[in-house]
C-alpha atoms as a PDB file:
ATOM      1  CA  UNK A   1     -43.992  -3.078   3.259  1.00  0.00           C
ATOM      2  CA  UNK A   2     -44.447   0.063   0.490  1.00  0.00           C
ATOM      3  CA  UNK A   3     -41.213   0.010   0.110  1.00  0.00           C
ATOM      4  CA  UNK A   4     -40.886  -3.525  -0.646  1.00  0.00           C
ATOM      5  CA  UNK A   5     -43.503  -3.184  -3.274  1.00  0.00           C
ATOM      6  CA  UNK A   6     -41.785   0.188  -4.434  1.00  0.00           C
ATOM      7  CA  UNK A   7     -38.287  -0.988  -4.945  1.00  0.00           C
ATOM      8  CA  UNK A   8     -40.239  -4.156  -7.272  1.00  0.00           C
ATOM      9  CA  UNK A   9     -42.398  -1.700  -9.295  1.00  0.00           C
ATOM     10  CA  UNK A  10     -39.259   0.228  -9.752  1.00  0.00           C
ATOM     11  CA  UNK A  11     -36.752  -2.320 -10.465  1.00  0.00           C
ATOM     12  CA  UNK A  12     -38.881  -3.848 -13.016  1.00  0.00           C
ATOM     13  CA  UNK A  13     -39.391  -0.211 -14.591  1.00  0.00           C
ATOM     14  CA  UNK A  14     -36.036  -0.094 -14.839  1.00  0.00           C
ATOM     15  CA  UNK A  15     -35.898  -3.889 -16.672  1.00  0.00           C
ATOM     16  CA  UNK A  16     -38.178  -2.151 -18.835  1.00  0.00           C
ATOM     17  CA  UNK A  17     -36.819   1.845 -19.551  1.00  0.00           C
ATOM     18  CA  UNK A  18     -33.095   1.203 -18.445  1.00  0.00           C
ATOM     19  CA  UNK A  19     -33.382   4.076 -16.216  1.00  0.00           C
ATOM     20  CA  UNK A  20     -36.163   5.270 -13.621  1.00  0.00           C
ATOM     21  CA  UNK A  21     -38.902   6.815 -13.501  1.00  0.00           C
ATOM     22  CA  UNK A  22     -39.775  10.489 -13.675  1.00  0.00           C
ATOM     23  CA  UNK A  23     -41.918  12.257 -10.531  1.00  0.00           C
ATOM     24  CA  UNK A  24     -44.662  12.268 -12.952  1.00  0.00           C
ATOM     25  CA  UNK A  25     -43.802   8.674 -14.612  1.00  0.00           C
ATOM     26  CA  UNK A  26     -43.940   7.869 -10.751  1.00  0.00           C
ATOM     27  CA  UNK A  27     -47.096   9.529 -10.220  1.00  0.00           C
ATOM     28  CA  UNK A  28     -48.646   6.935 -12.773  1.00  0.00           C
ATOM     29  CA  UNK A  29     -47.004   4.178 -11.289  1.00  0.00           C
ATOM     30  CA  UNK A  30     -48.213   4.581  -8.121  1.00  0.00           C
ATOM     31  CA  UNK A  31     -51.416   5.480  -8.861  1.00  0.00           C
ATOM     32  CA  UNK A  32     -50.448   9.291  -6.922  1.00  0.00           C
ATOM     33  CA  UNK A  33     -52.418  12.405  -7.233  1.00  0.00           C
ATOM     34  CA  UNK A  34     -49.763  14.375  -7.163  1.00  0.00           C
ATOM     35  CA  UNK A  35     -45.738  14.677  -7.834  1.00  0.00           C
ATOM     36  CA  UNK A  36     -45.673  15.352  -3.825  1.00  0.00           C
ATOM     37  CA  UNK A  37     -46.101  11.933  -3.142  1.00  0.00           C
ATOM     38  CA  UNK A  38     -43.454  10.708  -5.333  1.00  0.00           C
ATOM     39  CA  UNK A  39     -40.980  13.433  -3.765  1.00  0.00           C
ATOM     40  CA  UNK A  40     -41.858  12.069  -0.681  1.00  0.00           C
ATOM     41  CA  UNK A  41     -41.573   8.328  -1.901  1.00  0.00           C
ATOM     42  CA  UNK A  42     -38.323   8.856  -3.424  1.00  0.00           C
ATOM     43  CA  UNK A  43     -36.773  10.045   0.004  1.00  0.00           C
ATOM     44  CA  UNK A  44     -38.245   7.373   1.745  1.00  0.00           C
ATOM     45  CA  UNK A  45     -36.069   4.897  -0.780  1.00  0.00           C
ATOM     46  CA  UNK A  46     -32.862   7.606  -1.324  1.00  0.00           C
ATOM     47  CA  UNK A  47     -33.166   7.006   2.637  1.00  0.00           C
ATOM     48  CA  UNK A  48     -33.182   3.599   2.748  1.00  0.00           C
ATOM     49  CA  UNK A  49     -30.318   3.662   0.320  1.00  0.00           C
ATOM     50  CA  UNK A  50     -32.241   2.291  -2.617  1.00  0.00           C
ATOM     51  CA  UNK A  51     -31.715   4.849  -5.259  1.00  0.00           C
ATOM     52  CA  UNK A  52     -29.785   8.285  -5.195  1.00  0.00           C
ATOM     53  CA  UNK A  53     -29.951  11.367  -7.436  1.00  0.00           C
ATOM     54  CA  UNK A  54     -27.121  11.893  -9.856  1.00  0.00           C
ATOM     55  CA  UNK A  55     -25.809  15.760 -10.331  1.00  0.00           C
ATOM     56  CA  UNK A  56     -28.643  16.938 -12.443  1.00  0.00           C
ATOM     57  CA  UNK A  57     -31.435  15.840  -9.573  1.00  0.00           C
ATOM     58  CA  UNK A  58     -32.695  12.680 -11.934  1.00  0.00           C
ATOM     59  CA  UNK A  59     -33.235   9.352  -9.651  1.00  0.00           C
ATOM     60  CA  UNK A  60     -30.714   6.617 -10.556  1.00  0.00           C
ATOM     61  CA  UNK A  61     -30.185   2.937  -8.634  1.00  0.00           C
ATOM     62  CA  UNK A  62     -27.906   2.841  -5.766  1.00  0.00           C
ATOM     63  CA  UNK A  63     -28.538  -0.058  -4.279  1.00  0.00           C
ATOM     64  CA  UNK A  64     -31.744  -0.780  -6.160  1.00  0.00           C
ATOM     65  CA  UNK A  65     -30.742  -4.492  -7.087  1.00  0.00           C
ATOM     66  CA  UNK A  66     -30.489  -7.540  -4.848  1.00  0.00           C
ATOM     67  CA  UNK A  67     -27.333  -8.400  -4.056  1.00  0.00           C
ATOM     68  CA  UNK A  68     -25.749 -12.183  -4.915  1.00  0.00           C
ATOM     69  CA  UNK A  69     -23.636 -13.753  -2.458  1.00  0.00           C
ATOM     70  CA  UNK A  70     -20.255 -13.950  -3.126  1.00  0.00           C
ATOM     71  CA  UNK A  71     -19.537 -17.839  -1.835  1.00  0.00           C
ATOM     72  CA  UNK A  72     -15.863 -18.568  -2.623  1.00  0.00           C
ATOM     73  CA  UNK A  73     -13.863 -19.288  -5.492  1.00  0.00           C
ATOM     74  CA  UNK A  74     -13.408 -21.094  -7.947  1.00  0.00           C
ATOM     75  CA  UNK A  75     -10.445 -23.238  -9.762  1.00  0.00           C
ATOM     76  CA  UNK A  76      -9.834 -22.652 -13.261  1.00  0.00           C
ATOM     77  CA  UNK A  77      -6.564 -25.042 -13.972  1.00  0.00           C
ATOM     78  CA  UNK A  78      -5.886 -28.187 -12.343  1.00  0.00           C
ATOM     79  CA  UNK A  79      -9.510 -28.927  -9.958  1.00  0.00           C
ATOM     80  CA  UNK A  80      -9.282 -28.985  -5.949  1.00  0.00           C
ATOM     81  CA  UNK A  81     -11.894 -29.660  -3.741  1.00  0.00           C
ATOM     82  CA  UNK A  82     -14.482 -27.266  -3.081  1.00  0.00           C
ATOM     83  CA  UNK A  83     -15.370 -25.061   0.200  1.00  0.00           C
ATOM     84  CA  UNK A  84     -18.847 -23.757  -0.227  1.00  0.00           C
ATOM     85  CA  UNK A  85     -18.540 -20.453   2.537  1.00  0.00           C
ATOM     86  CA  UNK A  86     -20.137 -17.057   2.453  1.00  0.00           C
ATOM     87  CA  UNK A  87     -17.410 -14.652   1.942  1.00  0.00           C
ATOM     88  CA  UNK A  88     -19.209 -11.660   1.396  1.00  0.00           C
ATOM     89  CA  UNK A  89     -22.305  -9.962  -0.621  1.00  0.00           C
ATOM     90  CA  UNK A  90     -21.866  -7.593  -3.944  1.00  0.00           C
ATOM     91  CA  UNK A  91     -24.178  -6.141  -6.240  1.00  0.00           C
ATOM     92  CA  UNK A  92     -23.454  -6.093 -10.082  1.00  0.00           C
ATOM     93  CA  UNK A  93     -24.366  -2.247  -9.541  1.00  0.00           C
ATOM     94  CA  UNK A  94     -21.568  -1.178  -7.840  1.00  0.00           C
ATOM     95  CA  UNK A  95     -19.142  -3.621  -8.902  1.00  0.00           C
ATOM     96  CA  UNK A  96     -19.489  -3.312 -12.659  1.00  0.00           C
ATOM     97  CA  UNK A  97     -19.927   0.445 -12.427  1.00  0.00           C
ATOM     98  CA  UNK A  98     -17.783   2.981 -10.850  1.00  0.00           C
ATOM     99  CA  UNK A  99     -19.614   6.416 -11.890  1.00  0.00           C
ATOM    100  CA  UNK A 100     -23.511   4.979 -12.525  1.00  0.00           C
ATOM    101  CA  UNK A 101     -23.957   9.320 -13.925  1.00  0.00           C
ATOM    102  CA  UNK A 102     -21.249   9.241 -16.569  1.00  0.00           C
ATOM    103  CA  UNK A 103     -21.227   5.520 -17.624  1.00  0.00           C
ATOM    104  CA  UNK A 104     -23.629   3.873 -19.984  1.00  0.00           C
ATOM    105  CA  UNK A 105     -23.858   0.226 -21.875  1.00  0.00           C
ATOM    106  CA  UNK A 106     -22.813   0.185 -26.087  1.00  0.00           C
ATOM    107  CA  UNK A 107     -22.890  -3.942 -27.292  1.00  0.00           C
ATOM    108  CA  UNK A 108     -19.964  -4.670 -29.188  1.00  0.00           C
ATOM    109  CA  UNK A 109     -19.647  -4.984 -32.658  1.00  0.00           C
ATOM    110  CA  UNK A 110     -16.663  -7.138 -34.399  1.00  0.00           C
ATOM    111  CA  UNK A 111     -13.527  -9.220 -33.408  1.00  0.00           C
ATOM    112  CA  UNK A 112     -11.204  -6.232 -32.960  1.00  0.00           C
ATOM    113  CA  UNK A 113     -10.425  -6.352 -29.634  1.00  0.00           C
ATOM    114  CA  UNK A 114     -11.018 -10.310 -28.971  1.00  0.00           C
ATOM    115  CA  UNK A 115      -7.512 -10.442 -27.810  1.00  0.00           C
ATOM    116  CA  UNK A 116      -8.077  -8.061 -24.732  1.00  0.00           C
ATOM    117  CA  UNK A 117     -11.332 -10.802 -23.833  1.00  0.00           C
ATOM    118  CA  UNK A 118     -14.321  -8.740 -25.790  1.00  0.00           C
ATOM    119  CA  UNK A 119     -16.150 -10.500 -27.919  1.00  0.00           C
ATOM    120  CA  UNK A 120     -18.791  -9.803 -30.744  1.00  0.00           C
ATOM    121  CA  UNK A 121     -22.006  -9.392 -28.503  1.00  0.00           C
ATOM    122  CA  UNK A 122     -20.938  -8.318 -25.469  1.00  0.00           C
ATOM    123  CA  UNK A 123     -21.996  -5.602 -23.100  1.00  0.00           C
ATOM    124  CA  UNK A 124     -19.185  -2.941 -22.601  1.00  0.00           C
ATOM    125  CA  UNK A 125     -19.976  -0.347 -19.318  1.00  0.00           C
ATOM    126  CA  UNK A 126     -18.489   3.254 -20.281  1.00  0.00           C
ATOM    127  CA  UNK A 127     -17.475   5.506 -18.207  1.00  0.00           C
ATOM    128  CA  UNK A 128     -17.204   9.077 -19.748  1.00  0.00           C
ATOM    129  CA  UNK A 129     -13.731  10.374 -20.605  1.00  0.00           C
ATOM    130  CA  UNK A 130     -11.936  12.467 -22.264  1.00  0.00           C
ATOM    131  CA  UNK A 131      -8.707  12.038 -20.771  1.00  0.00           C
ATOM    132  CA  UNK A 132      -7.455   7.710 -20.626  1.00  0.00           C
ATOM    133  CA  UNK A 133      -4.423   6.377 -20.054  1.00  0.00           C
ATOM    134  CA  UNK A 134      -2.221   4.500 -21.801  1.00  0.00           C
ATOM    135  CA  UNK A 135      -3.133   1.380 -22.349  1.00  0.00           C
ATOM    136  CA  UNK A 136      -7.428   2.305 -21.754  1.00  0.00           C
ATOM    137  CA  UNK A 137      -9.610   0.842 -23.708  1.00  0.00           C
ATOM    138  CA  UNK A 138     -11.608   4.017 -25.436  1.00  0.00           C
ATOM    139  CA  UNK A 139     -14.666   4.593 -27.658  1.00  0.00           C
ATOM    140  CA  UNK A 140     -13.477   6.975 -29.812  1.00  0.00           C
ATOM    141  CA  UNK A 141     -14.766   8.929 -32.813  1.00  0.00           C
ATOM    142  CA  UNK A 142     -11.922   8.920 -34.944  1.00  0.00           C
ATOM    143  CA  UNK A 143     -12.426  10.882 -38.276  1.00  0.00           C
ATOM    144  CA  UNK A 144     -16.288  10.812 -38.116  1.00  0.00           C
ATOM    145  CA  UNK A 145     -16.389   7.156 -37.003  1.00  0.00           C
ATOM    146  CA  UNK A 146     -16.991   5.351 -33.862  1.00  0.00           C
ATOM    147  CA  UNK A 147     -14.552   2.376 -32.272  1.00  0.00           C
ATOM    148  CA  UNK A 148     -13.450   0.641 -29.335  1.00  0.00           C
ATOM    149  CA  UNK A 149      -9.789   0.621 -29.393  1.00  0.00           C
ATOM    150  CA  UNK A 150      -6.609   0.374 -27.240  1.00  0.00           C
ATOM    151  CA  UNK A 151      -5.922   3.832 -26.616  1.00  0.00           C
ATOM    152  CA  UNK A 152      -1.787   4.513 -27.156  1.00  0.00           C
ATOM    153  CA  UNK A 153       0.110   8.097 -26.930  1.00  0.00           C
ATOM    154  CA  UNK A 154       3.822   8.634 -28.237  1.00  0.00           C
ATOM    155  CA  UNK A 155       4.724  12.050 -27.662  1.00  0.00           C
ATOM    156  CA  UNK A 156       2.489  13.793 -29.597  1.00  0.00           C
ATOM    157  CA  UNK A 157       0.949  11.318 -31.544  1.00  0.00           C
ATOM    158  CA  UNK A 158      -2.228   9.330 -30.940  1.00  0.00           C
ATOM    159  CA  UNK A 159      -3.076   5.597 -32.291  1.00  0.00           C
ATOM    160  CA  UNK A 160      -6.021   3.201 -31.553  1.00  0.00           C
ATOM    161  CA  UNK A 161      -4.261  -0.127 -31.071  1.00  0.00           C
ATOM    162  CA  UNK A 162      -6.841  -3.274 -32.131  1.00  0.00           C
ATOM    163  CA  UNK A 163      -6.534  -6.708 -29.636  1.00  0.00           C
ATOM    164  CA  UNK A 164      -6.968  -8.818 -32.681  1.00  0.00           C
ATOM    165  CA  UNK A 165      -3.503  -9.122 -35.555  1.00  0.00           C
ATOM    166  CA  UNK A 166      -5.791  -9.233 -38.252  1.00  0.00           C
ATOM    167  CA  UNK A 167      -6.085  -6.008 -38.252  1.00  0.00           C
ATOM    168  CA  UNK A 168      -3.244  -2.712 -38.042  1.00  0.00           C
ATOM    169  CA  UNK A 169      -3.224   0.173 -35.701  1.00  0.00           C
ATOM    170  CA  UNK A 170      -5.283   3.758 -36.669  1.00  0.00           C
ATOM    171  CA  UNK A 171      -4.205   6.927 -36.698  1.00  0.00           C
ATOM    172  CA  UNK A 172      -6.759   9.558 -37.143  1.00  0.00           C
ATOM    173  CA  UNK A 173      -6.255  12.275 -40.460  1.00  0.00           C
ATOM    174  CA  UNK A 174      -8.562  14.989 -39.267  1.00  0.00           C
ATOM    175  CA  UNK A 175     -10.459  14.010 -35.601  1.00  0.00           C
ATOM    176  CA  UNK A 176      -9.755  12.416 -32.404  1.00  0.00           C
ATOM    177  CA  UNK A 177     -12.011  12.482 -29.785  1.00  0.00           C
ATOM    178  CA  UNK A 178     -12.288  10.256 -26.291  1.00  0.00           C
ATOM    179  CA  UNK A 179     -15.719   9.469 -25.939  1.00  0.00           C
ATOM    180  CA  UNK A 180     -14.879   7.495 -23.047  1.00  0.00           C
ATOM    181  CA  UNK A 181     -13.156   4.375 -21.465  1.00  0.00           C
ATOM    182  CA  UNK A 182     -14.249   0.653 -20.998  1.00  0.00           C
ATOM    183  CA  UNK A 183     -14.563  -0.108 -17.149  1.00  0.00           C
ATOM    184  CA  UNK A 184     -16.456  -3.114 -17.384  1.00  0.00           C
ATOM    185  CA  UNK A 185     -17.635  -6.201 -19.860  1.00  0.00           C
ATOM    186  CA  UNK A 186     -20.510  -7.801 -19.419  1.00  0.00           C
ATOM    187  CA  UNK A 187     -20.533 -11.386 -21.089  1.00  0.00           C
ATOM    188  CA  UNK A 188     -23.899 -13.593 -20.834  1.00  0.00           C
ATOM    189  CA  UNK A 189     -23.639 -17.661 -22.328  1.00  0.00           C
ATOM    190  CA  UNK A 190     -27.221 -18.248 -21.926  1.00  0.00           C
END
């Protein structure tokens, strides 16, 4: 029961702050008088598999959010009879994010990537890396401005390619730094 209550409070904190609390913040959240109680609770939650520590020792979600049931597939072409069956359960954290300690979200503005299925208002999960592969969608700092484009390399030349015919490829005039790659796109319809 204590674990369930702690998980519920951590979910709420994470929703409000987009991160898990520090050990000091856990003292306030759980009305503890010492950080040792926070460490003890964190240890229990880590052992139970709800949270984990990143490489810097900060607490991060592991299986903090409920898993959703995967009930089957749905035809997007010609309608077919549907059969509901429990195939599995999955956590969106694990599905959308490969390396949470190296990942963050950005909200998309603009329409240069619409033919890649990335619409204005979508959230993209970015995994930090400076070594993209050909065809990766990257976050790049090009000549001091940030953009989201396809990475394209020819011999010693790098281009950033849009996914919309209205826009032209971009070539760095002075500097190009790859910040990360898109690993997931999230769109909420309602």
